[in-house]
Amino acid sequence: MAETVQTGNTAENTDPRVLRSRQMLMESLLRLLIRKEFDDISIQDIADEATLNRATFYLHYADKNALLQAMTVERFRGLVARRGLSFTNCDGALRAIALGVCDYLSETTGCPGQLTKMPLEGSIIPVVEGMFQEGAANHAMAPGADPKLLATTAAWAIFGAARRWYQTPDRIPAEEMAAKIEAMVKPIFLTASI
């Protein structure tokens, strides 16, 4: 019998068939993004590319944005793990997240022109917001501080800086940019914590 593991607010099935179907859907979306713009891709296109039916798609994802979000989470975690980044303390986490966003942007597509067409804000920012909200839950906040607003502000600041870095010709190494982003975003957290 398949085991179910609770992850955040959603139950994630560890049944190999479920995991395989989700992987097939993610891979089909990735292949389609090479040929088409996200807005032009339908659920039927994704299902056909994955050799699954639409009903199977909807068993796993509410819509193509949910699939893109799941794909983003998986890719972002993979990038962070590949670099061996640590979340053992708050200082390390902020730099690791900034570096992960830089990596995510630079590895999203082989075609920089498509980067501006993809809804990257809608995929990576919620992932980063969630990470910051998890972190905020472990810290006392200053009176009147809103952890969700803090997470949103920091996520957009990191994404915006990383996107500017990515679009700059002759850009500095991602590690240097992550350190700069950390220096700029860290005061946001310091003013909100006790």
N, C-alpha and C. Protein backbone atom coordinates (compact mmCIF):
# COMPACT_ATOMS: atom_id res chain seq x y z
N MET A 1 0.84 -1.18 0.00
CA MET A 1 0.00 0.00 0.00
C MET A 1 0.89 1.24 0.00
N ALA A 2 0.44 2.27 -0.71
CA ALA A 2 1.22 3.50 -0.83
C ALA A 2 1.18 4.29 0.47
N GLU A 3 2.30 4.87 0.78
CA GLU A 3 2.42 5.70 1.98
C GLU A 3 2.14 7.15 1.61
N THR A 4 1.48 7.87 2.48
CA THR A 4 1.24 9.29 2.26
C THR A 4 2.03 10.08 3.27
N VAL A 5 2.75 11.08 2.81
CA VAL A 5 3.57 11.92 3.66
C VAL A 5 2.98 13.32 3.65
N GLN A 6 2.82 13.92 4.80
CA GLN A 6 2.30 15.29 4.88
C GLN A 6 3.43 16.27 4.62
N THR A 7 3.24 17.12 3.59
CA THR A 7 4.22 18.14 3.26
C THR A 7 3.52 19.48 3.24
N GLY A 8 3.79 20.34 4.20
CA GLY A 8 3.11 21.64 4.26
C GLY A 8 1.63 21.43 4.47
N ASN A 9 0.82 22.03 3.59
CA ASN A 9 -0.62 21.91 3.70
C ASN A 9 -1.18 20.83 2.79
N THR A 10 -0.34 20.16 2.01
CA THR A 10 -0.85 19.17 1.07
C THR A 10 -0.29 17.80 1.38
N ALA A 11 -1.11 16.80 1.14
CA ALA A 11 -0.64 15.43 1.31
C ALA A 11 0.04 15.01 0.02
N GLU A 12 1.23 14.53 0.12
CA GLU A 12 2.00 14.14 -1.05
C GLU A 12 2.11 12.62 -1.05
N ASN A 13 1.59 12.00 -2.09
CA ASN A 13 1.60 10.56 -2.20
C ASN A 13 2.97 10.09 -2.65
N THR A 14 3.49 9.06 -2.03
CA THR A 14 4.80 8.53 -2.41
C THR A 14 4.67 7.27 -3.25
N ASP A 15 3.47 6.94 -3.69
CA ASP A 15 3.26 5.81 -4.58
C ASP A 15 4.09 6.05 -5.84
N PRO A 16 4.90 5.08 -6.25
CA PRO A 16 5.76 5.27 -7.43
C PRO A 16 4.99 5.65 -8.69
N ARG A 17 3.77 5.15 -8.85
CA ARG A 17 2.97 5.49 -10.03
C ARG A 17 2.58 6.97 -10.02
N VAL A 18 2.25 7.48 -8.84
CA VAL A 18 1.89 8.89 -8.72
C VAL A 18 3.12 9.75 -9.01
N LEU A 19 4.23 9.40 -8.41
CA LEU A 19 5.46 10.16 -8.63
C LEU A 19 5.87 10.13 -10.10
N ARG A 20 5.72 8.97 -10.75
CA ARG A 20 6.08 8.84 -12.16
C ARG A 20 5.15 9.71 -13.03
N SER A 21 3.86 9.70 -12.74
CA SER A 21 2.92 10.54 -13.51
C SER A 21 3.26 12.02 -13.35
N ARG A 22 3.55 12.44 -12.14
CA ARG A 22 3.91 13.84 -11.91
C ARG A 22 5.18 14.20 -12.66
N GLN A 23 6.16 13.31 -12.63
CA GLN A 23 7.42 13.56 -13.33
C GLN A 23 7.17 13.65 -14.83
N MET A 24 6.33 12.77 -15.36
CA MET A 24 6.02 12.80 -16.79
C MET A 24 5.34 14.12 -17.17
N LEU A 25 4.44 14.60 -16.33
CA LEU A 25 3.76 15.87 -16.61
C LEU A 25 4.74 17.04 -16.57
N MET A 26 5.64 17.04 -15.58
CA MET A 26 6.64 18.11 -15.50
C MET A 26 7.56 18.10 -16.71
N GLU A 27 8.01 16.92 -17.10
CA GLU A 27 8.91 16.81 -18.25
C GLU A 27 8.20 17.23 -19.54
N SER A 28 6.92 16.91 -19.66
CA SER A 28 6.20 17.30 -20.87
C SER A 28 6.03 18.82 -20.93
N LEU A 29 5.74 19.46 -19.78
CA LEU A 29 5.64 20.91 -19.77
C LEU A 29 6.99 21.53 -20.15
N LEU A 30 8.05 20.99 -19.63
CA LEU A 30 9.38 21.51 -19.94
C LEU A 30 9.68 21.39 -21.44
N ARG A 31 9.35 20.26 -22.05
CA ARG A 31 9.57 20.09 -23.50
C ARG A 31 8.70 21.06 -24.30
N LEU A 32 7.46 21.24 -23.86
CA LEU A 32 6.56 22.16 -24.56
C LEU A 32 7.04 23.60 -24.47
N LEU A 33 7.62 23.97 -23.34
CA LEU A 33 8.11 25.34 -23.17
C LEU A 33 9.26 25.67 -24.13
N ILE A 34 9.93 24.67 -24.62
CA ILE A 34 10.99 24.89 -25.60
C ILE A 34 10.38 25.29 -26.94
N ARG A 35 9.19 24.75 -27.22
CA ARG A 35 8.55 24.98 -28.52
C ARG A 35 7.48 26.06 -28.51
N LYS A 36 6.86 26.30 -27.35
CA LYS A 36 5.72 27.21 -27.29
C LYS A 36 5.82 28.12 -26.08
N GLU A 37 5.08 29.21 -26.13
CA GLU A 37 4.98 30.08 -24.97
C GLU A 37 4.00 29.46 -23.97
N PHE A 38 4.21 29.74 -22.70
CA PHE A 38 3.39 29.16 -21.64
C PHE A 38 1.91 29.42 -21.87
N ASP A 39 1.55 30.63 -22.23
CA ASP A 39 0.14 30.97 -22.42
C ASP A 39 -0.51 30.20 -23.57
N ASP A 40 0.30 29.70 -24.49
CA ASP A 40 -0.23 28.96 -25.64
C ASP A 40 -0.29 27.46 -25.40
N ILE A 41 0.13 27.01 -24.24
CA ILE A 41 0.13 25.58 -23.91
C ILE A 41 -1.16 25.25 -23.17
N SER A 42 -1.87 24.24 -23.65
CA SER A 42 -3.11 23.82 -23.00
C SER A 42 -2.87 22.59 -22.13
N ILE A 43 -3.84 22.31 -21.29
CA ILE A 43 -3.77 21.10 -20.46
C ILE A 43 -3.72 19.88 -21.38
N GLN A 44 -4.50 19.92 -22.46
CA GLN A 44 -4.49 18.80 -23.41
C GLN A 44 -3.12 18.63 -24.04
N ASP A 45 -2.46 19.73 -24.38
CA ASP A 45 -1.09 19.65 -24.92
C ASP A 45 -0.17 18.93 -23.94
N ILE A 46 -0.26 19.31 -22.67
CA ILE A 46 0.61 18.73 -21.64
C ILE A 46 0.31 17.24 -21.50
N ALA A 47 -0.98 16.89 -21.42
CA ALA A 47 -1.37 15.49 -21.27
C ALA A 47 -0.92 14.67 -22.47
N ASP A 48 -1.14 15.19 -23.68
CA ASP A 48 -0.73 14.47 -24.89
C ASP A 48 0.78 14.26 -24.92
N GLU A 49 1.53 15.29 -24.60
CA GLU A 49 2.99 15.20 -24.59
C GLU A 49 3.48 14.17 -23.57
N ALA A 50 2.76 14.05 -22.47
CA ALA A 50 3.13 13.10 -21.42
C ALA A 50 2.56 11.71 -21.67
N THR A 51 1.78 11.56 -22.73
CA THR A 51 1.06 10.32 -23.05
C THR A 51 0.17 9.87 -21.88
N LEU A 52 -0.48 10.86 -21.28
CA LEU A 52 -1.46 10.62 -20.22
C LEU A 52 -2.76 11.30 -20.64
N ASN A 53 -3.83 11.00 -19.94
CA ASN A 53 -5.07 11.69 -20.29
C ASN A 53 -5.30 12.88 -19.38
N ARG A 54 -6.24 13.73 -19.79
CA ARG A 54 -6.54 14.96 -19.03
C ARG A 54 -6.97 14.64 -17.61
N ALA A 55 -7.72 13.58 -17.44
CA ALA A 55 -8.18 13.22 -16.09
C ALA A 55 -6.99 12.95 -15.17
N THR A 56 -5.96 12.31 -15.70
CA THR A 56 -4.77 12.06 -14.90
C THR A 56 -4.10 13.37 -14.53
N PHE A 57 -4.04 14.29 -15.49
CA PHE A 57 -3.48 15.60 -15.17
C PHE A 57 -4.21 16.21 -13.98
N TYR A 58 -5.55 16.22 -14.04
CA TYR A 58 -6.33 16.87 -12.99
C TYR A 58 -6.32 16.11 -11.66
N LEU A 59 -5.92 14.86 -11.67
CA LEU A 59 -5.73 14.13 -10.40
C LEU A 59 -4.55 14.71 -9.62
N HIS A 60 -3.60 15.31 -10.35
CA HIS A 60 -2.37 15.80 -9.74
C HIS A 60 -2.29 17.31 -9.59
N TYR A 61 -2.88 18.04 -10.54
CA TYR A 61 -2.74 19.49 -10.56
C TYR A 61 -4.06 20.15 -10.92
N ALA A 62 -4.33 21.28 -10.29
CA ALA A 62 -5.58 22.01 -10.55
C ALA A 62 -5.56 22.66 -11.92
N ASP A 63 -4.39 23.13 -12.36
CA ASP A 63 -4.26 23.79 -13.65
C ASP A 63 -2.78 23.81 -14.04
N LYS A 64 -2.48 24.39 -15.18
CA LYS A 64 -1.09 24.39 -15.63
C LYS A 64 -0.20 25.27 -14.77
N ASN A 65 -0.78 26.27 -14.12
CA ASN A 65 0.01 27.09 -13.20
C ASN A 65 0.46 26.28 -11.99
N ALA A 66 -0.42 25.41 -11.50
CA ALA A 66 -0.05 24.54 -10.37
C ALA A 66 1.07 23.58 -10.78
N LEU A 67 1.01 23.09 -12.01
CA LEU A 67 2.09 22.23 -12.52
C LEU A 67 3.39 23.01 -12.61
N LEU A 68 3.33 24.23 -13.14
CA LEU A 68 4.53 25.06 -13.23
C LEU A 68 5.10 25.33 -11.84
N GLN A 69 4.21 25.58 -10.87
CA GLN A 69 4.65 25.82 -9.49
C GLN A 69 5.36 24.59 -8.92
N ALA A 70 4.78 23.42 -9.14
CA ALA A 70 5.40 22.17 -8.65
C ALA A 70 6.74 21.94 -9.32
N MET A 71 6.81 22.22 -10.61
CA MET A 71 8.05 22.06 -11.35
C MET A 71 9.11 23.03 -10.82
N THR A 72 8.69 24.23 -10.50
CA THR A 72 9.61 25.24 -9.96
C THR A 72 10.15 24.80 -8.61
N VAL A 73 9.28 24.32 -7.74
CA VAL A 73 9.72 23.86 -6.42
C VAL A 73 10.76 22.75 -6.57
N GLU A 74 10.47 21.80 -7.43
CA GLU A 74 11.41 20.68 -7.62
C GLU A 74 12.75 21.16 -8.18
N ARG A 75 12.70 22.03 -9.18
CA ARG A 75 13.94 22.53 -9.77
C ARG A 75 14.72 23.39 -8.78
N PHE A 76 14.03 24.24 -8.04
CA PHE A 76 14.70 25.11 -7.09
C PHE A 76 15.39 24.29 -6.00
N ARG A 77 14.69 23.31 -5.46
CA ARG A 77 15.29 22.43 -4.45
C ARG A 77 16.49 21.69 -5.02
N GLY A 78 16.38 21.26 -6.27
CA GLY A 78 17.49 20.56 -6.92
C GLY A 78 18.71 21.45 -7.08
N LEU A 79 18.48 22.71 -7.46
CA LEU A 79 19.59 23.65 -7.61
C LEU A 79 20.28 23.91 -6.28
N VAL A 80 19.48 24.10 -5.24
CA VAL A 80 20.03 24.34 -3.90
C VAL A 80 20.82 23.12 -3.44
N ALA A 81 20.25 21.93 -3.64
CA ALA A 81 20.93 20.69 -3.22
C ALA A 81 22.22 20.47 -4.03
N ARG A 82 22.17 20.77 -5.32
CA ARG A 82 23.35 20.56 -6.17
C ARG A 82 24.53 21.41 -5.72
N ARG A 83 24.25 22.60 -5.25
CA ARG A 83 25.32 23.47 -4.75
C ARG A 83 25.71 23.12 -3.32
N GLY A 84 24.95 22.23 -2.68
CA GLY A 84 25.25 21.86 -1.30
C GLY A 84 25.01 23.00 -0.33
N LEU A 85 24.03 23.85 -0.65
CA LEU A 85 23.76 25.01 0.20
C LEU A 85 23.08 24.58 1.49
N SER A 86 23.39 25.29 2.55
CA SER A 86 22.92 24.94 3.88
C SER A 86 21.91 25.96 4.40
N PHE A 87 20.91 25.45 5.08
CA PHE A 87 19.91 26.30 5.72
C PHE A 87 20.00 26.12 7.24
N THR A 88 21.21 25.93 7.74
CA THR A 88 21.38 25.66 9.16
C THR A 88 21.18 26.90 10.02
N ASN A 89 21.35 28.09 9.44
CA ASN A 89 21.08 29.32 10.20
C ASN A 89 20.49 30.36 9.26
N CYS A 90 19.97 31.42 9.81
CA CYS A 90 19.30 32.45 9.01
C CYS A 90 20.24 33.12 8.03
N ASP A 91 21.47 33.40 8.46
CA ASP A 91 22.41 34.06 7.55
C ASP A 91 22.68 33.19 6.33
N GLY A 92 22.93 31.94 6.55
CA GLY A 92 23.19 31.03 5.43
C GLY A 92 21.98 30.84 4.54
N ALA A 93 20.80 30.86 5.11
CA ALA A 93 19.58 30.65 4.35
C ALA A 93 19.33 31.78 3.37
N LEU A 94 19.50 33.01 3.79
CA LEU A 94 19.25 34.15 2.93
C LEU A 94 20.17 34.13 1.71
N ARG A 95 21.44 33.87 1.91
CA ARG A 95 22.38 33.81 0.79
C ARG A 95 22.08 32.60 -0.10
N ALA A 96 21.73 31.47 0.51
CA ALA A 96 21.41 30.27 -0.26
C ALA A 96 20.18 30.50 -1.14
N ILE A 97 19.18 31.17 -0.62
CA ILE A 97 17.98 31.45 -1.41
C ILE A 97 18.32 32.40 -2.55
N ALA A 98 19.08 33.45 -2.28
CA ALA A 98 19.47 34.39 -3.33
C ALA A 98 20.26 33.68 -4.42
N LEU A 99 21.19 32.83 -4.03
CA LEU A 99 21.99 32.08 -4.99
C LEU A 99 21.11 31.11 -5.78
N GLY A 100 20.16 30.49 -5.09
CA GLY A 100 19.23 29.59 -5.77
C GLY A 100 18.40 30.30 -6.82
N VAL A 101 17.96 31.52 -6.53
CA VAL A 101 17.18 32.29 -7.50
C VAL A 101 18.05 32.68 -8.69
N CYS A 102 19.29 33.08 -8.43
CA CYS A 102 20.21 33.39 -9.54
C CYS A 102 20.41 32.15 -10.42
N ASP A 103 20.64 31.02 -9.80
CA ASP A 103 20.82 29.78 -10.56
C ASP A 103 19.56 29.44 -11.34
N TYR A 104 18.41 29.60 -10.70
CA TYR A 104 17.14 29.28 -11.35
C TYR A 104 16.95 30.12 -12.61
N LEU A 105 17.22 31.41 -12.50
CA LEU A 105 17.06 32.28 -13.66
C LEU A 105 18.04 31.94 -14.77
N SER A 106 19.28 31.66 -14.40
CA SER A 106 20.28 31.41 -15.44
C SER A 106 20.11 30.04 -16.08
N GLU A 107 19.40 29.13 -15.43
CA GLU A 107 19.22 27.79 -16.00
C GLU A 107 17.80 27.52 -16.46
N THR A 108 16.94 28.53 -16.47
CA THR A 108 15.54 28.30 -16.81
C THR A 108 15.37 27.88 -18.27
N THR A 109 15.97 28.57 -19.17
CA THR A 109 15.85 28.20 -20.58
C THR A 109 17.19 28.42 -21.26
N GLY A 110 17.35 27.79 -22.39
CA GLY A 110 18.54 28.02 -23.19
C GLY A 110 18.39 29.28 -24.02
N CYS A 111 17.20 29.82 -24.05
CA CYS A 111 16.92 30.99 -24.87
C CYS A 111 16.56 32.16 -23.97
N PRO A 112 17.48 33.12 -23.77
CA PRO A 112 17.18 34.25 -22.90
C PRO A 112 15.95 35.04 -23.32
N GLY A 113 15.61 35.07 -24.61
CA GLY A 113 14.44 35.79 -25.07
C GLY A 113 13.15 35.23 -24.49
N GLN A 114 13.09 33.91 -24.29
CA GLN A 114 11.88 33.30 -23.73
C GLN A 114 11.75 33.60 -22.25
N LEU A 115 12.84 33.94 -21.59
CA LEU A 115 12.79 34.24 -20.16
C LEU A 115 11.79 35.33 -19.85
N THR A 116 11.76 36.37 -20.67
CA THR A 116 10.84 37.48 -20.41
C THR A 116 9.39 37.10 -20.70
N LYS A 117 9.16 36.03 -21.46
CA LYS A 117 7.80 35.62 -21.79
C LYS A 117 7.21 34.65 -20.78
N MET A 118 8.06 33.95 -20.04
CA MET A 118 7.57 32.96 -19.09
C MET A 118 7.12 33.63 -17.80
N PRO A 119 6.11 33.07 -17.15
CA PRO A 119 5.62 33.66 -15.90
C PRO A 119 6.50 33.27 -14.72
N LEU A 120 7.78 33.65 -14.76
CA LEU A 120 8.71 33.25 -13.72
C LEU A 120 8.35 33.83 -12.36
N GLU A 121 7.82 35.06 -12.36
CA GLU A 121 7.44 35.66 -11.09
C GLU A 121 6.41 34.79 -10.38
N GLY A 122 5.46 34.28 -11.16
CA GLY A 122 4.40 33.47 -10.58
C GLY A 122 4.85 32.09 -10.15
N SER A 123 6.03 31.68 -10.60
CA SER A 123 6.50 30.35 -10.22
C SER A 123 7.53 30.39 -9.10
N ILE A 124 8.53 31.25 -9.20
CA ILE A 124 9.62 31.23 -8.21
C ILE A 124 9.29 32.05 -6.96
N ILE A 125 8.59 33.16 -7.12
CA ILE A 125 8.32 34.01 -5.95
C ILE A 125 7.50 33.28 -4.88
N PRO A 126 6.44 32.54 -5.23
CA PRO A 126 5.73 31.81 -4.18
C PRO A 126 6.60 30.78 -3.45
N VAL A 127 7.55 30.18 -4.16
CA VAL A 127 8.46 29.22 -3.53
C VAL A 127 9.31 29.95 -2.48
N VAL A 128 9.87 31.09 -2.88
CA VAL A 128 10.73 31.85 -1.97
C VAL A 128 9.90 32.41 -0.80
N GLU A 129 8.71 32.90 -1.10
CA GLU A 129 7.83 33.40 -0.02
C GLU A 129 7.57 32.29 1.01
N GLY A 130 7.28 31.10 0.51
CA GLY A 130 7.02 29.98 1.42
C GLY A 130 8.21 29.66 2.30
N MET A 131 9.40 29.74 1.74
CA MET A 131 10.61 29.48 2.53
C MET A 131 10.76 30.52 3.63
N PHE A 132 10.52 31.79 3.28
CA PHE A 132 10.63 32.85 4.28
C PHE A 132 9.53 32.75 5.32
N GLN A 133 8.34 32.36 4.93
CA GLN A 133 7.27 32.20 5.91
C GLN A 133 7.57 31.07 6.89
N GLU A 134 8.16 29.99 6.38
CA GLU A 134 8.58 28.90 7.26
C GLU A 134 9.62 29.40 8.26
N GLY A 135 10.57 30.17 7.77
CA GLY A 135 11.61 30.72 8.65
C GLY A 135 11.04 31.68 9.67
N ALA A 136 10.10 32.53 9.25
CA ALA A 136 9.50 33.51 10.16
C ALA A 136 8.73 32.83 11.29
N ALA A 137 8.18 31.65 11.00
CA ALA A 137 7.43 30.92 12.02
C ALA A 137 8.34 30.48 13.17
N ASN A 138 9.65 30.46 12.93
CA ASN A 138 10.61 30.04 13.96
C ASN A 138 11.24 31.21 14.71
N HIS A 139 10.79 32.43 14.42
CA HIS A 139 11.39 33.61 15.04
C HIS A 139 10.31 34.54 15.58
N ALA A 140 10.64 35.22 16.66
CA ALA A 140 9.73 36.22 17.21
C ALA A 140 9.77 37.45 16.32
N MET A 141 8.60 37.99 16.04
CA MET A 141 8.49 39.16 15.18
C MET A 141 8.24 40.41 16.03
N ALA A 142 8.71 41.53 15.54
CA ALA A 142 8.47 42.81 16.21
C ALA A 142 6.97 43.09 16.21
N PRO A 143 6.48 43.81 17.22
CA PRO A 143 5.05 44.14 17.25
C PRO A 143 4.64 44.85 15.95
N GLY A 144 3.54 44.39 15.38
CA GLY A 144 3.02 44.99 14.15
C GLY A 144 3.65 44.45 12.88
N ALA A 145 4.68 43.63 12.99
CA ALA A 145 5.32 43.06 11.80
C ALA A 145 4.41 41.98 11.21
N ASP A 146 4.29 41.98 9.92
CA ASP A 146 3.45 41.02 9.21
C ASP A 146 4.36 40.02 8.49
N PRO A 147 4.43 38.77 8.96
CA PRO A 147 5.34 37.80 8.35
C PRO A 147 5.08 37.54 6.87
N LYS A 148 3.80 37.58 6.47
CA LYS A 148 3.49 37.35 5.05
C LYS A 148 3.98 38.52 4.19
N LEU A 149 3.78 39.72 4.68
CA LEU A 149 4.26 40.89 3.95
C LEU A 149 5.79 40.91 3.89
N LEU A 150 6.41 40.53 4.99
CA LEU A 150 7.87 40.43 5.03
C LEU A 150 8.36 39.42 3.99
N ALA A 151 7.73 38.25 3.95
CA ALA A 151 8.13 37.22 3.00
C ALA A 151 7.94 37.69 1.56
N THR A 152 6.83 38.36 1.29
CA THR A 152 6.57 38.87 -0.06
C THR A 152 7.58 39.93 -0.46
N THR A 153 7.85 40.86 0.44
CA THR A 153 8.81 41.93 0.17
C THR A 153 10.19 41.36 -0.13
N ALA A 154 10.65 40.45 0.71
CA ALA A 154 11.97 39.85 0.52
C ALA A 154 12.04 39.03 -0.76
N ALA A 155 10.99 38.26 -1.04
CA ALA A 155 10.98 37.43 -2.25
C ALA A 155 11.05 38.28 -3.52
N TRP A 156 10.26 39.36 -3.56
CA TRP A 156 10.29 40.23 -4.73
C TRP A 156 11.62 40.97 -4.83
N ALA A 157 12.18 41.37 -3.71
CA ALA A 157 13.47 42.06 -3.74
C ALA A 157 14.55 41.13 -4.29
N ILE A 158 14.57 39.90 -3.83
CA ILE A 158 15.56 38.94 -4.30
C ILE A 158 15.35 38.64 -5.78
N PHE A 159 14.10 38.37 -6.16
CA PHE A 159 13.82 38.06 -7.56
C PHE A 159 14.20 39.24 -8.46
N GLY A 160 13.81 40.44 -8.06
CA GLY A 160 14.10 41.62 -8.88
C GLY A 160 15.59 41.84 -9.07
N ALA A 161 16.34 41.72 -7.98
CA ALA A 161 17.79 41.90 -8.08
C ALA A 161 18.42 40.79 -8.92
N ALA A 162 17.97 39.56 -8.72
CA ALA A 162 18.52 38.44 -9.49
C ALA A 162 18.17 38.57 -10.97
N ARG A 163 16.98 39.02 -11.25
CA ARG A 163 16.58 39.19 -12.65
C ARG A 163 17.41 40.29 -13.31
N ARG A 164 17.64 41.38 -12.61
CA ARG A 164 18.48 42.46 -13.15
C ARG A 164 19.88 41.91 -13.41
N TRP A 165 20.41 41.12 -12.46
CA TRP A 165 21.73 40.51 -12.62
C TRP A 165 21.74 39.63 -13.87
N TYR A 166 20.72 38.80 -14.04
CA TYR A 166 20.66 37.87 -15.16
C TYR A 166 20.63 38.61 -16.50
N GLN A 167 19.95 39.73 -16.54
CA GLN A 167 19.79 40.47 -17.79
C GLN A 167 20.97 41.40 -18.09
N THR A 168 21.95 41.46 -17.19
CA THR A 168 23.11 42.34 -17.37
C THR A 168 24.20 41.62 -18.16
N PRO A 169 24.66 42.24 -19.25
CA PRO A 169 25.78 41.63 -19.98
C PRO A 169 27.03 41.65 -19.08
N ASP A 170 27.89 40.69 -19.27
CA ASP A 170 29.13 40.59 -18.48
C ASP A 170 28.84 40.64 -16.98
N ARG A 171 27.85 39.87 -16.57
CA ARG A 171 27.47 39.89 -15.16
C ARG A 171 28.53 39.25 -14.27
N ILE A 172 28.50 39.64 -13.01
CA ILE A 172 29.42 39.08 -12.02
C ILE A 172 28.99 37.65 -11.71
N PRO A 173 29.85 36.84 -11.09
CA PRO A 173 29.45 35.48 -10.72
C PRO A 173 28.25 35.48 -9.78
N ALA A 174 27.44 34.43 -9.87
CA ALA A 174 26.23 34.31 -9.07
C ALA A 174 26.54 34.41 -7.58
N GLU A 175 27.66 33.86 -7.14
CA GLU A 175 28.03 33.89 -5.73
C GLU A 175 28.22 35.33 -5.24
N GLU A 176 28.84 36.16 -6.07
CA GLU A 176 29.03 37.57 -5.70
C GLU A 176 27.69 38.30 -5.65
N MET A 177 26.83 37.99 -6.61
CA MET A 177 25.52 38.64 -6.64
C MET A 177 24.70 38.22 -5.43
N ALA A 178 24.77 36.96 -5.06
CA ALA A 178 24.02 36.48 -3.89
C ALA A 178 24.47 37.21 -2.63
N ALA A 179 25.77 37.47 -2.52
CA ALA A 179 26.28 38.22 -1.36
C ALA A 179 25.75 39.65 -1.36
N LYS A 180 25.68 40.27 -2.54
CA LYS A 180 25.14 41.63 -2.63
C LYS A 180 23.66 41.66 -2.28
N ILE A 181 22.93 40.68 -2.79
CA ILE A 181 21.49 40.60 -2.48
C ILE A 181 21.30 40.41 -0.99
N GLU A 182 22.08 39.52 -0.40
CA GLU A 182 21.99 39.28 1.04
C GLU A 182 22.20 40.56 1.82
N ALA A 183 23.21 41.34 1.45
CA ALA A 183 23.51 42.59 2.16
C ALA A 183 22.37 43.59 2.05
N MET A 184 21.67 43.58 0.93
CA MET A 184 20.58 44.54 0.73
C MET A 184 19.27 44.08 1.38
N VAL A 185 19.03 42.79 1.43
CA VAL A 185 17.75 42.27 1.93
C VAL A 185 17.78 42.01 3.44
N LYS A 186 18.94 41.70 3.96
CA LYS A 186 19.05 41.38 5.39
C LYS A 186 18.45 42.46 6.30
N PRO A 187 18.66 43.76 6.03
CA PRO A 187 18.05 44.78 6.90
C PRO A 187 16.52 44.71 6.98
N ILE A 188 15.90 44.22 5.92
CA ILE A 188 14.44 44.06 5.95
C ILE A 188 14.05 43.11 7.08
N PHE A 189 14.81 42.03 7.22
CA PHE A 189 14.51 41.05 8.27
C PHE A 189 14.88 41.58 9.65
N LEU A 190 15.97 42.32 9.73
CA LEU A 190 16.40 42.84 11.02
C LEU A 190 15.39 43.81 11.63
N THR A 191 14.74 44.60 10.77
CA THR A 191 13.74 45.57 11.28
C THR A 191 12.45 44.88 11.71
N ALA A 192 12.21 43.68 11.22
CA ALA A 192 10.95 42.99 11.53
C ALA A 192 11.08 42.00 12.69
N SER A 193 12.30 41.67 13.08
CA SER A 193 12.48 40.69 14.15
C SER A 193 12.80 41.38 15.47
N ILE A 194 12.58 40.61 16.52
CA ILE A 194 12.84 41.15 17.86
C ILE A 194 14.29 40.90 18.22
